[in-house]
Amino acid sequence: MSLTPQGPRPPAGHGRGRRGRGDRRRGRRFLRWAAIGLAVVIVGTAGAGYLYYRHLNGNLKKDDLNIGDEKDRAAKTEANAAGQTPLNILLIGSDARDNAENQKLGGAKETYNAAPRADVQMLLHLSADRSNMSVVSMPRDTLVGIPKCTDPDDDKAYPALTSAMTNQSLGRGGPGCTVATWEKLTDIHIDHFIMVDFAGVVSMADAIGGVPVCVDANIYSHTSSGKGSGLKLKKGTTPIKGEQALQWLRTRYGFEDSTDIARAKAQHQYMNSMVRQLRENATLSSPNKLRKLAETATEALTVDDGLGSVTKLYDLSNELRKVPTKRITMTTMPWQYASDGNRVVPKPEEAEKVFRLVREDIALDGKDKKKTATEDETSDDPAAADDKIAVQVQNGTRTSTEAAASGRATDVTELLVGKGFTASKADSSVILSEDKTLVRYPSADLEGDAQRVAKSLGIPMSSVKKSTEVSGVTLVVGADWRSGTKYKAAKEDDSLPESDDTFNGADTKACMHVDPDYTW
């Protein structure tokens, strides 16, 4: 197996971009942690002065946030009852080698200036109350549906793909297509993206004096055929920096089972340690070192317009710093091998559970204060009068083991009419399969109406969903309501699925297991 992804490569030569995409310095999978690090760095340079801020602003590259079709986008996240809104930031690293420095660090000369691939994809979720942070990464060779994307530079439209490696999305018009792919898959609205490059990881590790990492045996990532990162460390904890830090983050051959999943686990360990160092390391008290770090970091960044200035990054850094390290949880999207055995796909129920926790702003560490039913958040969109709300009711009670419960659309329609929703009608033309009862609506102007219908039946707001598959407020009676006139929502399991690749930000004892074939 090679160190670069196998499978189809996007069309060569797609290296241009808005505001000079051909000149961008893009990051790699191991740079996933750099957004957090940069935020801390920007705080440290707060006193550098207006002219210096203008200089740093000029270093930043910008691109469009989402270049997918409107129908594939997730609804914007609503504020909670206190007026607080969570933030979702997609961290992207590509395998592009588009300048001499990155080429030297990244190798693979045949890929110089070829179309980039999004080999790092990590969603950083900052809770509405800023008490916790969740970070969910996706393996680079996950097969997903990539939506139609339109390049903002030349209006070239890339058709939708039904099953493609997720890292291809970056070469289909830019980072805005990677954002669109995540929104389509997860139904999570993404507020910003950040991309970084090779040189940034080396400079930042050097500036803080090294990042401590641990291995449980001597490791040498090298094979007789020339594969491996070249990482060579002794058993125990070692502060690494410069090219050695780069080697750690590139290492596949040598950690655990020598797979890309093991590499992601090592990157999580590094990220945890890097964040702690950036917050605590005394070398950051030096203004000169801070400015140098800010310089190299901003030169390495491509961001969306919403983060397109140092002031905006500074504001973001202040929000990130509110979260204690013990409330930072990092995990990998639950996955399983695809039918070909060479790629992976999201594990249906478990991956969706993780995405739901993020959508509903539920901390992955399980330490949230539980909400009561009266705290269920609602939209600011006012509802129409009950008798003016047109509701279509569908029977979704069919399951893999049971036929649909007869007459449920009609029964629940009569229940709604009795409650004053006289414009309700049963739709007997379709029989659906839904585990849970849902209320769907097509656009923001009907969200309040949908929530009003749900509230009247005791359906939780988490089951009210925006959907392009409906033309009006639509109640789908699910398999959890096969009989009776009173809906009782099942208690949700809000625990994170078990995973060997879940880290707490305050964990200082994590140590990578070394593959016995790579010891010395």
Protein backbone atom coordinates (compact mmCIF):
# COMPACT_ATOMS: atom_id res chain seq x y z
CA MET A 1 0.00 0.00 0.00
CA SER A 2 1.27 3.47 -0.82
CA LEU A 3 1.35 6.53 1.38
CA THR A 4 -0.91 8.40 -1.02
CA PRO A 5 -4.58 7.48 -1.50
CA GLN A 6 -5.47 5.01 -4.20
CA GLY A 7 -8.50 5.30 -6.44
CA PRO A 8 -9.60 7.89 -9.00
CA ARG A 9 -7.84 11.24 -8.96
CA PRO A 10 -9.68 14.47 -9.84
CA PRO A 11 -8.84 16.10 -13.19
CA ALA A 12 -5.26 17.41 -13.26
CA GLY A 13 -4.64 21.08 -13.61
CA HIS A 14 -7.49 22.27 -11.39
CA GLY A 15 -5.18 24.43 -9.38
CA ARG A 16 -6.72 27.87 -9.86
CA GLY A 17 -9.00 29.50 -7.36
CA ARG A 18 -10.72 32.66 -6.33
CA ARG A 19 -8.13 35.18 -5.13
CA GLY A 20 -5.33 33.07 -6.63
CA ARG A 21 -6.17 29.45 -5.91
CA GLY A 22 -3.08 28.42 -7.90
CA ASP A 23 -0.88 30.11 -5.29
CA ARG A 24 -2.52 28.63 -2.21
CA ARG A 25 -0.61 26.59 0.28
CA ARG A 26 -2.81 23.77 1.32
CA GLY A 27 -2.48 21.47 4.32
CA ARG A 28 -2.42 17.71 4.70
CA ARG A 29 -4.36 15.31 6.88
CA PHE A 30 -2.06 15.75 9.86
CA LEU A 31 -2.75 19.50 10.02
CA ARG A 32 -6.24 18.96 11.38
CA TRP A 33 -5.24 20.43 14.74
CA ALA A 34 -3.81 23.66 13.35
CA ALA A 35 -7.04 25.68 13.55
CA ILE A 36 -7.09 25.40 17.31
CA GLY A 37 -3.39 26.19 17.51
CA LEU A 38 -3.65 29.22 15.28
CA ALA A 39 -6.52 30.59 17.34
CA VAL A 40 -4.37 30.52 20.45
CA VAL A 41 -1.49 32.13 18.57
CA ILE A 42 -3.65 35.02 17.37
CA VAL A 43 -4.65 35.76 20.95
CA GLY A 44 -0.98 36.08 21.84
CA THR A 45 -0.35 38.66 19.11
CA ALA A 46 -3.27 40.84 20.15
CA GLY A 47 -1.00 43.76 21.04
CA ALA A 48 0.95 43.76 17.81
CA GLY A 49 -0.80 46.82 16.40
CA TYR A 50 -3.02 47.78 13.49
CA LEU A 51 -0.37 47.72 10.76
CA TYR A 52 0.75 44.26 11.72
CA TYR A 53 -2.85 43.06 11.68
CA ARG A 54 -3.19 44.44 8.16
CA HIS A 55 -0.07 42.54 7.16
CA LEU A 56 -1.41 39.30 8.62
CA ASN A 57 -4.74 39.90 6.88
CA GLY A 58 -2.86 40.05 3.60
CA ASN A 59 -1.38 36.61 4.29
CA LEU A 60 -4.80 34.96 4.48
CA LYS A 61 -6.31 33.31 1.40
CA LYS A 62 -10.10 33.14 1.03
CA ASP A 63 -12.57 30.94 -0.82
CA ASP A 64 -16.31 30.30 -0.98
CA LEU A 65 -17.88 28.50 1.99
CA ASN A 66 -20.36 26.24 0.17
CA ILE A 67 -20.57 25.73 -3.59
CA GLY A 68 -23.16 22.96 -3.57
CA ASP A 69 -26.80 23.27 -4.64
CA GLU A 70 -29.19 24.85 -2.16
CA LYS A 71 -31.21 21.62 -1.91
CA ASP A 72 -28.21 19.78 -0.47
CA ARG A 73 -27.50 22.31 2.27
CA ALA A 74 -28.36 21.88 5.93
CA ALA A 75 -30.64 24.35 7.70
CA LYS A 76 -28.83 27.06 9.63
CA THR A 77 -28.42 26.23 13.31
CA GLU A 78 -30.90 28.04 15.54
CA ALA A 79 -29.90 29.87 18.72
CA ASN A 80 -30.85 28.31 22.05
CA ALA A 81 -33.23 29.84 24.56
CA ALA A 82 -30.42 32.08 25.87
CA GLY A 83 -29.67 33.42 22.39
CA GLN A 84 -26.43 31.40 22.10
CA THR A 85 -25.53 29.64 18.84
CA PRO A 86 -23.12 26.73 18.37
CA LEU A 87 -20.31 26.98 15.82
CA ASN A 88 -19.37 24.26 13.32
CA ILE A 89 -15.98 24.62 11.61
CA LEU A 90 -14.68 22.17 9.02
CA LEU A 91 -10.90 21.70 9.16
CA ILE A 92 -9.49 20.60 5.81
CA GLY A 93 -6.02 19.47 4.80
CA SER A 94 -5.12 18.59 1.23
CA ASP A 95 -2.31 16.56 -0.29
CA ALA A 96 -1.43 19.35 -2.77
CA ARG A 97 2.26 20.12 -3.36
CA ASP A 98 1.90 23.53 -4.95
CA ASN A 99 5.15 25.20 -3.92
CA ALA A 100 8.78 24.20 -3.41
CA GLU A 101 8.62 24.13 0.39
CA ASN A 102 5.54 21.95 0.55
CA GLN A 103 6.94 19.73 -2.20
CA LYS A 104 10.10 19.14 -0.17
CA LEU A 105 8.14 18.26 2.94
CA GLY A 106 5.43 16.25 1.21
CA GLY A 107 7.40 14.31 -1.37
CA ALA A 108 5.57 12.64 -4.29
CA LYS A 109 7.05 14.83 -7.05
CA GLU A 110 4.66 13.39 -9.63
CA THR A 111 1.78 15.12 -7.80
CA TYR A 112 3.30 18.61 -8.06
CA ASN A 113 0.53 21.11 -8.92
CA ALA A 114 -2.00 18.32 -9.52
CA ALA A 115 -5.58 18.69 -8.28
CA PRO A 116 -5.67 18.60 -4.47
CA ARG A 117 -7.50 15.97 -2.43
CA ALA A 118 -9.06 16.59 0.98
CA ASP A 119 -7.13 14.01 2.98
CA VAL A 120 -8.05 15.69 6.28
CA GLN A 121 -11.68 16.29 7.09
CA MET A 122 -12.50 17.10 10.67
CA LEU A 123 -15.59 18.84 12.01
CA LEU A 124 -15.01 21.02 15.07
CA HIS A 125 -18.23 21.72 16.99
CA LEU A 126 -18.16 24.45 19.63
CA SER A 127 -21.20 24.22 21.89
CA ALA A 128 -23.66 27.09 22.12
CA ASP A 129 -22.77 27.78 25.76
CA ARG A 130 -19.02 27.35 25.03
CA SER A 131 -18.74 24.73 27.77
CA ASN A 132 -17.46 21.94 25.52
CA MET A 133 -16.00 21.10 22.12
CA SER A 134 -16.52 18.01 19.97
CA VAL A 135 -14.21 17.09 17.08
CA VAL A 136 -15.30 14.41 14.59
CA SER A 137 -12.91 13.24 11.86
CA MET A 138 -13.72 11.19 8.77
CA PRO A 139 -11.31 8.60 7.30
CA ARG A 140 -9.92 9.91 4.01
CA ASP A 141 -11.09 6.89 1.99
CA THR A 142 -14.71 6.97 3.17
CA LEU A 143 -17.17 6.42 0.31
CA VAL A 144 -19.89 9.08 0.33
CA GLY A 145 -22.28 10.87 -2.00
CA ILE A 146 -20.65 14.06 -3.29
CA PRO A 147 -23.26 16.62 -4.35
CA LYS A 148 -23.21 18.71 -7.49
CA CYS A 149 -20.71 21.57 -7.05
CA THR A 150 -20.12 24.66 -9.19
CA ASP A 151 -16.64 26.22 -9.33
CA PRO A 152 -17.05 29.93 -8.46
CA ASP A 153 -14.14 30.89 -10.74
CA ASP A 154 -15.27 29.52 -14.07
CA ASP A 155 -18.84 28.31 -13.34
CA LYS A 156 -17.81 24.77 -14.21
CA ALA A 157 -20.41 22.37 -12.80
CA TYR A 158 -19.23 19.04 -11.39
CA PRO A 159 -22.07 16.49 -11.46
CA ALA A 160 -23.08 14.67 -8.29
CA LEU A 161 -21.36 11.37 -7.48
CA THR A 162 -23.24 8.64 -5.64
CA SER A 163 -20.29 6.73 -4.16
CA ALA A 164 -16.85 8.33 -4.25
CA MET A 165 -13.94 8.77 -1.88
CA THR A 166 -14.63 11.82 0.22
CA ASN A 167 -11.17 13.28 -0.43
CA GLN A 168 -12.11 13.83 -4.10
CA SER A 169 -14.47 16.64 -3.09
CA LEU A 170 -11.72 19.27 -2.84
CA GLY A 171 -10.79 18.88 -6.50
CA ARG A 172 -14.37 19.61 -7.59
CA GLY A 173 -14.36 23.38 -7.31
CA GLY A 174 -12.51 23.92 -4.03
CA PRO A 175 -13.10 23.59 -0.27
CA GLY A 176 -16.70 24.74 -0.70
CA CYS A 177 -17.44 21.35 -2.26
CA THR A 178 -15.97 19.53 0.73
CA VAL A 179 -18.23 21.63 2.96
CA ALA A 180 -21.22 20.79 0.74
CA THR A 181 -20.35 17.08 0.97
CA TRP A 182 -20.33 17.19 4.77
CA GLU A 183 -23.63 19.06 4.94
CA LYS A 184 -25.31 16.59 2.61
CA LEU A 185 -24.01 13.60 4.59
CA THR A 186 -24.59 14.89 8.13
CA ASP A 187 -27.37 17.50 7.83
CA ILE A 188 -25.15 19.70 10.04
CA HIS A 189 -24.88 23.37 9.02
CA ILE A 190 -21.21 24.37 8.69
CA ASP A 191 -20.39 27.98 9.59
CA HIS A 192 -16.73 28.15 8.50
CA PHE A 193 -13.83 26.16 7.06
CA ILE A 194 -10.05 26.38 7.56
CA MET A 195 -7.32 24.81 5.38
CA VAL A 196 -3.61 24.78 6.29
CA ASP A 197 -0.34 23.55 4.73
CA PHE A 198 2.83 21.47 5.26
CA ALA A 199 5.15 24.29 6.27
CA GLY A 200 2.77 25.47 8.98
CA VAL A 201 2.99 22.27 11.01
CA VAL A 202 6.79 22.40 11.10
CA SER A 203 6.96 26.09 12.02
CA MET A 204 4.34 25.85 14.76
CA ALA A 205 5.91 22.77 16.36
CA ASP A 206 9.29 24.52 16.36
CA ALA A 207 7.88 27.73 17.84
CA ILE A 208 6.44 26.05 20.93
CA GLY A 209 9.56 23.98 21.56
CA GLY A 210 8.16 20.60 20.58
CA VAL A 211 5.06 18.47 21.14
CA PRO A 212 5.30 15.49 23.55
CA VAL A 213 4.16 12.16 22.07
CA CYS A 214 4.36 8.61 23.39
CA VAL A 215 5.01 5.14 21.92
CA ASP A 216 4.93 1.87 23.85
CA ALA A 217 8.03 0.48 22.06
CA ASN A 218 10.90 1.67 19.89
CA ILE A 219 9.54 2.51 16.44
CA TYR A 220 11.09 2.88 12.98
CA SER A 221 8.57 3.55 10.21
CA HIS A 222 10.47 2.10 7.28
CA THR A 223 10.22 -0.91 4.97
CA SER A 224 12.71 -2.57 2.64
CA SER A 225 10.66 -1.30 -0.30
CA GLY A 226 10.99 2.30 0.85
CA LYS A 227 7.56 2.75 2.42
CA GLY A 228 7.09 4.56 5.70
CA SER A 229 7.53 8.07 7.08
CA GLY A 230 11.04 7.50 8.44
CA LEU A 231 9.93 8.22 12.02
CA LYS A 232 12.41 6.75 14.52
CA LEU A 233 11.71 7.11 18.25
CA LYS A 234 12.60 5.34 21.46
CA LYS A 235 9.97 3.86 23.75
CA GLY A 236 8.30 6.40 26.03
CA THR A 237 7.51 10.10 25.70
CA THR A 238 9.54 12.35 23.38
CA PRO A 239 9.03 16.03 22.49
CA ILE A 240 9.05 16.19 18.69
CA LYS A 241 9.31 19.19 16.39
CA GLY A 242 10.26 20.17 12.87
CA GLU A 243 10.44 17.37 10.33
CA GLN A 244 10.15 14.76 13.07
CA ALA A 245 6.71 16.15 13.95
CA LEU A 246 5.84 15.88 10.28
CA GLN A 247 6.97 12.25 10.27
CA TRP A 248 4.80 11.40 13.29
CA LEU A 249 1.73 12.84 11.63
CA ARG A 250 2.43 11.04 8.34
CA THR A 251 3.16 7.66 9.93
CA ARG A 252 0.96 4.83 8.78
CA TYR A 253 3.41 1.94 8.77
CA GLY A 254 4.31 1.30 12.40
CA PHE A 255 1.27 2.30 14.48
CA GLU A 256 -1.03 -0.51 15.66
CA ASP A 257 -2.21 -2.38 12.53
CA SER A 258 -0.44 -0.01 10.11
CA THR A 259 -3.70 1.32 8.63
CA ASP A 260 -4.97 4.80 7.95
CA ILE A 261 -7.29 4.43 10.96
CA ALA A 262 -4.27 3.95 13.25
CA ARG A 263 -2.65 7.02 11.73
CA ALA A 264 -5.78 9.05 12.56
CA LYS A 265 -5.52 7.86 16.17
CA ALA A 266 -1.91 9.05 16.35
CA GLN A 267 -2.95 12.40 14.92
CA HIS A 268 -5.61 12.77 17.63
CA GLN A 269 -2.94 12.11 20.28
CA TYR A 270 -0.71 14.76 18.71
CA MET A 271 -3.57 17.24 18.50
CA ASN A 272 -4.38 16.83 22.19
CA SER A 273 -0.76 17.42 23.14
CA MET A 274 -0.36 20.36 20.75
CA VAL A 275 -3.38 22.18 22.16
CA ARG A 276 -2.07 21.75 25.71
CA GLN A 277 1.36 23.04 24.66
CA LEU A 278 -0.07 26.07 22.89
CA ARG A 279 -2.07 26.96 25.99
CA GLU A 280 0.57 26.27 28.59
CA ASN A 281 4.06 26.46 27.08
CA ALA A 282 6.14 29.33 28.38
CA THR A 283 7.85 29.94 25.01
CA LEU A 284 4.68 31.65 23.85
CA SER A 285 5.42 34.53 26.22
CA SER A 286 8.01 35.79 23.72
CA PRO A 287 6.46 38.43 21.41
CA ASN A 288 8.98 37.72 18.66
CA LYS A 289 8.25 34.00 18.69
CA LEU A 290 4.53 34.70 18.74
CA ARG A 291 4.75 37.02 15.75
CA LYS A 292 6.84 34.51 13.82
CA LEU A 293 4.31 31.80 14.59
CA ALA A 294 1.40 34.04 13.57
CA GLU A 295 3.24 34.94 10.35
CA THR A 296 3.81 31.35 9.26
CA ALA A 297 0.38 30.22 10.38
CA THR A 298 -1.56 32.89 8.50
CA GLU A 299 0.52 32.28 5.38
CA ALA A 300 -0.53 28.64 5.61
CA LEU A 301 -4.27 29.36 5.85
CA THR A 302 -7.16 29.40 3.41
CA VAL A 303 -10.47 30.37 5.02
CA ASP A 304 -14.01 31.36 4.06
CA ASP A 305 -15.02 35.03 3.95
CA GLY A 306 -16.57 34.77 7.41
CA LEU A 307 -13.09 34.15 8.88
CA GLY A 308 -11.22 36.25 6.35
CA SER A 309 -9.44 38.62 8.72
CA VAL A 310 -7.20 38.36 11.75
CA THR A 311 -9.85 40.19 13.78
CA LYS A 312 -12.38 37.48 12.98
CA LEU A 313 -9.86 34.77 13.80
CA TYR A 314 -9.10 36.59 17.04
CA ASP A 315 -12.81 36.57 17.91
CA LEU A 316 -12.94 32.86 17.15
CA SER A 317 -9.89 32.23 19.32
CA ASN A 318 -11.58 33.89 22.27
CA GLU A 319 -14.53 31.55 21.86
CA LEU A 320 -12.28 28.48 21.61
CA ARG A 321 -10.33 29.46 24.72
CA LYS A 322 -13.50 29.36 26.82
CA VAL A 323 -13.56 25.56 26.60
CA PRO A 324 -11.45 23.75 29.23
CA THR A 325 -9.26 20.98 27.80
CA LYS A 326 -11.08 18.38 29.88
CA ARG A 327 -14.27 19.17 27.92
CA ILE A 328 -12.68 18.62 24.48
CA THR A 329 -13.62 15.25 22.95
CA MET A 330 -12.12 13.97 19.70
CA THR A 331 -13.40 10.92 17.86
CA THR A 332 -13.53 9.31 14.43
CA MET A 333 -16.84 8.88 12.62
CA PRO A 334 -18.07 5.30 13.19
CA TRP A 335 -17.24 3.33 10.02
CA GLN A 336 -17.27 -0.12 8.53
CA TYR A 337 -15.52 -1.66 5.53
CA ALA A 338 -17.24 -1.24 2.17
CA SER A 339 -18.19 -4.29 0.11
CA ASP A 340 -14.87 -4.19 -1.77
CA GLY A 341 -12.94 -4.41 1.51
CA ASN A 342 -10.57 -1.60 0.51
CA ARG A 343 -12.63 1.45 1.41
CA VAL A 344 -14.90 2.33 4.32
CA VAL A 345 -18.43 3.71 4.63
CA PRO A 346 -20.23 5.41 7.52
CA LYS A 347 -21.62 2.80 9.93
CA PRO A 348 -25.32 3.55 9.42
CA GLU A 349 -26.87 3.81 12.88
CA GLU A 350 -23.76 4.71 14.88
CA ALA A 351 -22.52 7.42 12.47
CA GLU A 352 -25.97 8.98 12.33
CA LYS A 353 -26.08 8.96 16.13
CA VAL A 354 -22.83 10.95 16.31
CA PHE A 355 -24.13 13.40 13.70
CA ARG A 356 -27.38 13.80 15.67
CA LEU A 357 -25.48 14.59 18.87
CA VAL A 358 -23.60 17.34 17.04
CA ARG A 359 -26.76 18.66 15.35
CA GLU A 360 -28.55 18.83 18.68
CA ASP A 361 -25.56 20.38 20.48
CA ILE A 362 -25.15 17.45 22.86
CA ALA A 363 -21.62 17.06 24.26
CA LEU A 364 -19.80 13.89 23.20
CA ASP A 365 -18.31 13.51 26.68
CA GLY A 366 -21.77 12.87 28.19
CA LYS A 367 -21.40 15.64 30.77
CA ASP A 368 -24.14 17.96 29.56
CA LYS A 369 -26.87 19.06 31.90
CA LYS A 370 -29.96 17.21 30.74
CA LYS A 371 -32.67 19.38 29.22
CA THR A 372 -36.23 19.15 30.41
CA ALA A 373 -39.14 19.00 28.00
CA THR A 374 -39.90 22.68 28.64
CA GLU A 375 -36.38 23.63 27.53
CA ASP A 376 -36.82 22.10 24.06
CA GLU A 377 -35.76 24.91 21.74
CA THR A 378 -38.11 26.41 19.16
CA SER A 379 -37.75 28.67 16.17
CA ASP A 380 -38.32 32.42 16.17
CA ASP A 381 -40.56 31.91 13.13
CA PRO A 382 -44.17 32.57 14.29
CA ALA A 383 -46.76 29.90 13.55
CA ALA A 384 -49.97 30.55 11.66
CA ALA A 385 -53.32 29.93 13.30
CA ASP A 386 -53.93 26.19 13.79
CA ASP A 387 -56.80 26.08 11.32
CA LYS A 388 -54.61 27.75 8.66
CA ILE A 389 -51.76 25.24 8.87
CA ALA A 390 -52.04 22.70 6.06
CA VAL A 391 -50.68 19.37 7.28
CA GLN A 392 -50.16 16.32 5.10
CA VAL A 393 -50.10 13.09 7.13
CA GLN A 394 -48.30 10.00 5.86
CA ASN A 395 -48.05 6.45 7.18
CA GLY A 396 -44.43 5.56 7.91
CA THR A 397 -45.04 2.62 10.26
CA ARG A 398 -43.69 -0.11 7.97
CA THR A 399 -40.55 -1.86 9.25
CA SER A 400 -38.25 -4.62 8.01
CA THR A 401 -40.24 -7.14 10.05
CA GLU A 402 -43.77 -5.69 10.12
CA ALA A 403 -46.21 -4.41 7.51
CA ALA A 404 -47.52 -0.87 7.87
CA ALA A 405 -50.21 -0.41 10.51
CA SER A 406 -53.47 0.00 8.62
CA GLY A 407 -55.14 3.42 8.56
CA ARG A 408 -52.57 5.32 10.64
CA ALA A 409 -52.47 8.35 8.32
CA THR A 410 -56.25 8.67 8.54
CA ASP A 411 -56.38 8.10 12.31
CA VAL A 412 -53.77 10.77 13.08
CA THR A 413 -55.36 13.19 10.60
CA GLU A 414 -58.64 12.90 12.52
CA LEU A 415 -56.69 13.51 15.74
CA LEU A 416 -55.19 16.71 14.30
CA VAL A 417 -58.54 17.94 13.02
CA GLY A 418 -59.97 17.39 16.49
CA LYS A 419 -57.20 19.59 17.90
CA GLY A 420 -58.10 22.43 15.54
CA PHE A 421 -55.82 21.69 12.58
CA THR A 422 -58.77 21.50 10.22
CA ALA A 423 -56.66 21.84 7.06
CA SER A 424 -54.97 18.46 7.73
CA LYS A 425 -55.29 15.74 5.09
CA ALA A 426 -54.22 12.09 4.98
CA ASP A 427 -51.92 11.07 2.14
CA SER A 428 -52.61 7.42 1.40
CA SER A 429 -50.55 7.38 -1.81
CA VAL A 430 -47.32 6.40 -0.06
CA ILE A 431 -46.31 3.96 2.65
CA LEU A 432 -42.98 4.90 4.24
CA SER A 433 -40.58 3.32 6.71
CA GLU A 434 -39.52 5.61 9.57
CA ASP A 435 -38.34 4.40 12.95
CA LYS A 436 -39.46 7.63 14.61
CA THR A 437 -42.40 9.95 14.01
CA LEU A 438 -41.23 13.11 12.21
CA VAL A 439 -42.57 16.50 11.20
CA ARG A 440 -40.96 17.78 8.02
CA TYR A 441 -41.07 21.22 6.41
CA PRO A 442 -39.51 22.54 3.17
CA SER A 443 -38.44 26.09 4.05
CA ALA A 444 -37.73 28.44 6.95
CA ASP A 445 -41.07 30.24 6.63
CA LEU A 446 -42.89 27.01 7.59
CA GLU A 447 -40.62 26.00 10.47
CA GLY A 448 -42.85 27.65 13.08
CA ASP A 449 -45.92 25.90 11.66
CA ALA A 450 -44.14 22.53 11.79
CA GLN A 451 -43.07 23.10 15.38
CA ARG A 452 -46.61 24.08 16.34
CA VAL A 453 -47.93 20.78 14.92
CA ALA A 454 -45.26 18.83 16.79
CA LYS A 455 -45.95 20.61 20.06
CA SER A 456 -49.68 19.86 19.83
CA LEU A 457 -48.93 16.12 19.57
CA GLY A 458 -46.08 15.95 22.10
CA ILE A 459 -43.45 15.31 19.42
CA PRO A 460 -39.99 16.66 20.47
CA MET A 461 -38.46 19.53 18.52
CA SER A 462 -35.52 17.29 17.62
CA SER A 463 -37.95 15.36 15.39
CA VAL A 464 -38.88 18.48 13.39
CA LYS A 465 -36.70 18.42 10.27
CA LYS A 466 -36.19 20.63 7.23
CA SER A 467 -36.50 18.50 4.09
CA THR A 468 -36.46 19.19 0.36
CA GLU A 469 -38.55 16.03 -0.15
CA VAL A 470 -41.77 17.73 0.99
CA SER A 471 -43.70 20.72 -0.35
CA GLY A 472 -45.43 21.66 2.89
CA VAL A 473 -45.71 20.68 6.55
CA THR A 474 -45.73 16.88 6.55
CA LEU A 475 -46.29 14.58 9.52
CA VAL A 476 -44.85 11.08 9.03
CA VAL A 477 -46.30 8.67 11.58
CA GLY A 478 -43.41 6.38 12.43
CA ALA A 479 -43.04 2.82 13.70
CA ASP A 480 -42.89 4.21 17.26
CA TRP A 481 -46.60 5.22 16.97
CA ARG A 482 -48.39 2.24 15.44
CA SER A 483 -51.54 2.66 17.52
CA GLY A 484 -53.36 4.95 19.90
CA THR A 485 -54.01 8.68 20.01
CA LYS A 486 -51.19 9.75 22.31
CA TYR A 487 -47.61 9.91 21.11
CA LYS A 488 -44.89 8.96 23.58
CA ALA A 489 -41.38 9.74 22.37
CA ALA A 490 -38.77 7.12 23.16
CA LYS A 491 -35.96 8.28 25.40
CA GLU A 492 -32.93 9.09 23.28
CA ASP A 493 -29.58 7.45 24.04
CA ASP A 494 -27.20 10.41 23.99
CA SER A 495 -24.04 8.45 24.77
CA LEU A 496 -21.19 8.40 22.28
CA PRO A 497 -20.74 5.02 20.52
CA GLU A 498 -17.74 3.16 21.94
CA SER A 499 -14.54 3.67 19.99
CA ASP A 500 -10.83 3.05 20.47
CA ASP A 501 -10.21 6.36 18.72
CA THR A 502 -11.85 8.71 21.20
CA PHE A 503 -9.65 11.11 23.16
CA ASN A 504 -10.27 13.58 25.93
CA GLY A 505 -8.38 16.87 25.61
CA ALA A 506 -6.93 16.55 29.12
CA ASP A 507 -5.57 13.02 28.60
CA THR A 508 -1.80 13.16 29.16
CA LYS A 509 -1.26 9.39 29.33
CA ALA A 510 -2.18 8.34 25.78
CA CYS A 511 0.50 6.18 24.15
CA MET A 512 0.50 4.71 20.65
CA HIS A 513 0.90 0.95 20.32
CA VAL A 514 3.73 0.04 17.94
CA ASP A 515 3.33 -2.66 15.29
CA PRO A 516 5.91 -5.37 16.24
CA ASP A 517 7.12 -5.45 12.62
CA TYR A 518 8.38 -1.87 12.98
CA THR A 519 10.39 -2.02 16.21
CA TRP A 520 14.17 -1.74 16.55
